[in-house]
Amino acid sequence: MTGLPPGLGVYWIGLAEEADHGHVSTPETWARMIENPEDRREAARSYIESVGGKLHGFWYAFGEHDGWNLWEAPDNVSMAAVALAIGAGGALSSMETTVLLDVEDTIRALEKAKSVKYRPPAA
């Protein structure tokens, strides 16, 4: 069991802190959301599907980051395009994406690392 859903094969965790004029995080923005609640999952789904990907999960959170997503895309360029488009929209004060590796890919990377002849700086 890999823990990641089977599919396209490239997964990212996305997390965001939304700015004052965004959808979450400030008292003013929460007040707007209380007055006009909006399910942002459909927007997130449309962004990733526009590049041939899939949204596997969307959550709000208490803590350092206001939102978490589990995205799947055909390749890094497609995910970068989504992240750039969202970031250029101005609603997020910051956004991070992290590529996820399943256990099998990690084991393959560990095996491949045996053939890398690393040399420390100035050694």
Protein backbone atom coordinates (compact mmCIF):
# COMPACT_ATOMS: atom_id res chain seq x y z
CA MET A 1 0.00 0.00 0.00
CA THR A 2 1.46 3.35 -1.03
CA GLY A 3 -0.87 5.70 0.79
CA LEU A 4 -1.34 7.74 -2.41
CA PRO A 5 -4.28 7.09 -4.71
CA PRO A 6 -3.38 5.36 -8.00
CA GLY A 7 -3.45 7.67 -10.98
CA LEU A 8 -1.18 10.00 -12.91
CA GLY A 9 1.76 9.46 -10.59
CA VAL A 10 2.90 12.98 -9.60
CA TYR A 11 1.41 14.25 -6.32
CA TRP A 12 1.78 17.49 -4.38
CA ILE A 13 0.66 18.80 -1.05
CA GLY A 14 -0.31 22.44 -1.48
CA LEU A 15 -0.70 24.83 1.41
CA ALA A 16 -1.63 28.47 1.47
CA GLU A 17 -1.94 31.55 3.60
CA GLU A 18 -4.57 33.80 2.17
CA ALA A 19 -4.17 37.56 2.10
CA ASP A 20 -6.61 40.18 3.42
CA HIS A 21 -8.39 40.33 0.07
CA GLY A 22 -8.54 36.53 -0.23
CA HIS A 23 -10.99 34.06 1.21
CA VAL A 24 -9.62 33.20 4.63
CA SER A 25 -7.37 34.22 7.54
CA THR A 26 -8.25 37.79 8.56
CA PRO A 27 -11.22 38.86 10.69
CA GLU A 28 -12.55 40.89 7.75
CA THR A 29 -12.29 37.98 5.36
CA TRP A 30 -13.87 35.54 7.81
CA ALA A 31 -16.70 38.06 8.22
CA ARG A 32 -17.19 38.09 4.42
CA MET A 33 -17.20 34.28 4.35
CA ILE A 34 -19.77 34.20 7.17
CA GLU A 35 -21.98 36.58 5.19
CA ASN A 36 -21.46 34.73 1.91
CA PRO A 37 -20.12 31.18 2.51
CA GLU A 38 -18.40 29.68 -0.52
CA ASP A 39 -17.14 26.16 -1.14
CA ARG A 40 -13.72 26.72 -2.73
CA ARG A 41 -13.23 23.03 -3.57
CA GLU A 42 -14.93 23.46 -6.93
CA ALA A 43 -12.62 26.33 -7.85
CA ALA A 44 -9.55 24.30 -6.80
CA ARG A 45 -10.83 21.30 -8.75
CA SER A 46 -11.33 23.36 -11.91
CA TYR A 47 -7.76 24.74 -11.72
CA ILE A 48 -6.06 21.35 -11.56
CA GLU A 49 -8.45 19.70 -14.02
CA SER A 50 -7.66 22.42 -16.56
CA VAL A 51 -4.15 20.92 -16.85
CA GLY A 52 -5.30 17.29 -16.82
CA GLY A 53 -4.92 16.75 -13.08
CA LYS A 54 -7.11 15.82 -10.13
CA LEU A 55 -7.93 17.26 -6.72
CA HIS A 56 -7.84 14.48 -4.11
CA GLY A 57 -8.54 16.63 -1.06
CA PHE A 58 -9.15 20.17 0.17
CA TRP A 59 -9.07 21.23 3.82
CA TYR A 60 -9.06 24.38 5.91
CA ALA A 61 -6.84 24.34 8.99
CA PHE A 62 -6.01 26.08 12.22
CA GLY A 63 -2.34 26.94 12.48
CA GLU A 64 0.38 28.37 10.30
CA HIS A 65 -1.40 27.58 7.02
CA ASP A 66 -5.04 28.31 6.24
CA GLY A 67 -5.57 25.66 3.61
CA TRP A 68 -4.23 22.28 2.48
CA ASN A 69 -4.79 20.48 -0.81
CA LEU A 70 -3.76 17.11 -2.19
CA TRP A 71 -3.25 17.57 -5.93
CA GLU A 72 -2.31 15.15 -8.68
CA ALA A 73 -1.00 16.38 -12.04
CA PRO A 74 0.53 14.79 -15.12
CA ASP A 75 3.92 16.46 -14.53
CA ASN A 76 5.77 19.20 -12.63
CA VAL A 77 5.20 21.79 -15.37
CA SER A 78 1.42 21.35 -15.14
CA MET A 79 1.46 21.77 -11.35
CA ALA A 80 3.75 24.78 -11.66
CA ALA A 81 1.28 26.35 -14.10
CA VAL A 82 -1.57 25.93 -11.60
CA ALA A 83 0.52 27.30 -8.72
CA LEU A 84 1.63 30.30 -10.80
CA ALA A 85 -1.92 31.08 -11.92
CA ILE A 86 -3.27 30.87 -8.36
CA GLY A 87 -0.39 32.95 -7.01
CA ALA A 88 -0.85 35.60 -9.71
CA GLY A 89 -4.50 35.96 -8.70
CA GLY A 90 -3.48 37.96 -5.65
CA ALA A 91 -5.66 36.19 -3.07
CA LEU A 92 -2.81 34.24 -1.45
CA SER A 93 -0.14 35.82 0.68
CA SER A 94 1.99 32.70 0.21
CA MET A 95 1.74 29.28 -1.35
CA GLU A 96 3.97 26.23 -1.09
CA THR A 97 3.85 22.96 -2.94
CA THR A 98 5.73 19.81 -2.00
CA VAL A 99 6.15 16.84 -4.33
CA LEU A 100 5.20 13.59 -2.59
CA LEU A 101 6.98 10.27 -3.08
CA ASP A 102 5.32 6.99 -2.23
CA VAL A 103 7.31 4.34 -0.37
CA GLU A 104 8.16 2.44 -3.55
CA ASP A 105 9.57 5.56 -5.25
CA THR A 106 11.57 6.36 -2.13
CA ILE A 107 13.06 2.86 -2.08
CA ARG A 108 13.95 3.19 -5.80
CA ALA A 109 15.60 6.55 -5.03
CA LEU A 110 17.57 5.01 -2.15
CA GLU A 111 18.76 2.21 -4.45
CA LYS A 112 19.74 4.70 -7.15
CA ALA A 113 21.58 6.85 -4.58
CA LYS A 114 24.12 4.02 -4.25
CA SER A 115 25.49 4.93 -7.69
CA VAL A 116 25.80 8.68 -6.98
CA LYS A 117 29.42 9.53 -6.19
CA TYR A 118 28.91 12.49 -3.87
CA ARG A 119 31.90 14.61 -2.85
CA PRO A 120 31.52 17.09 0.05
CA PRO A 121 32.48 20.72 -0.70
CA ALA A 122 36.22 21.39 -0.50
CA ALA A 123 36.96 17.70 0.11
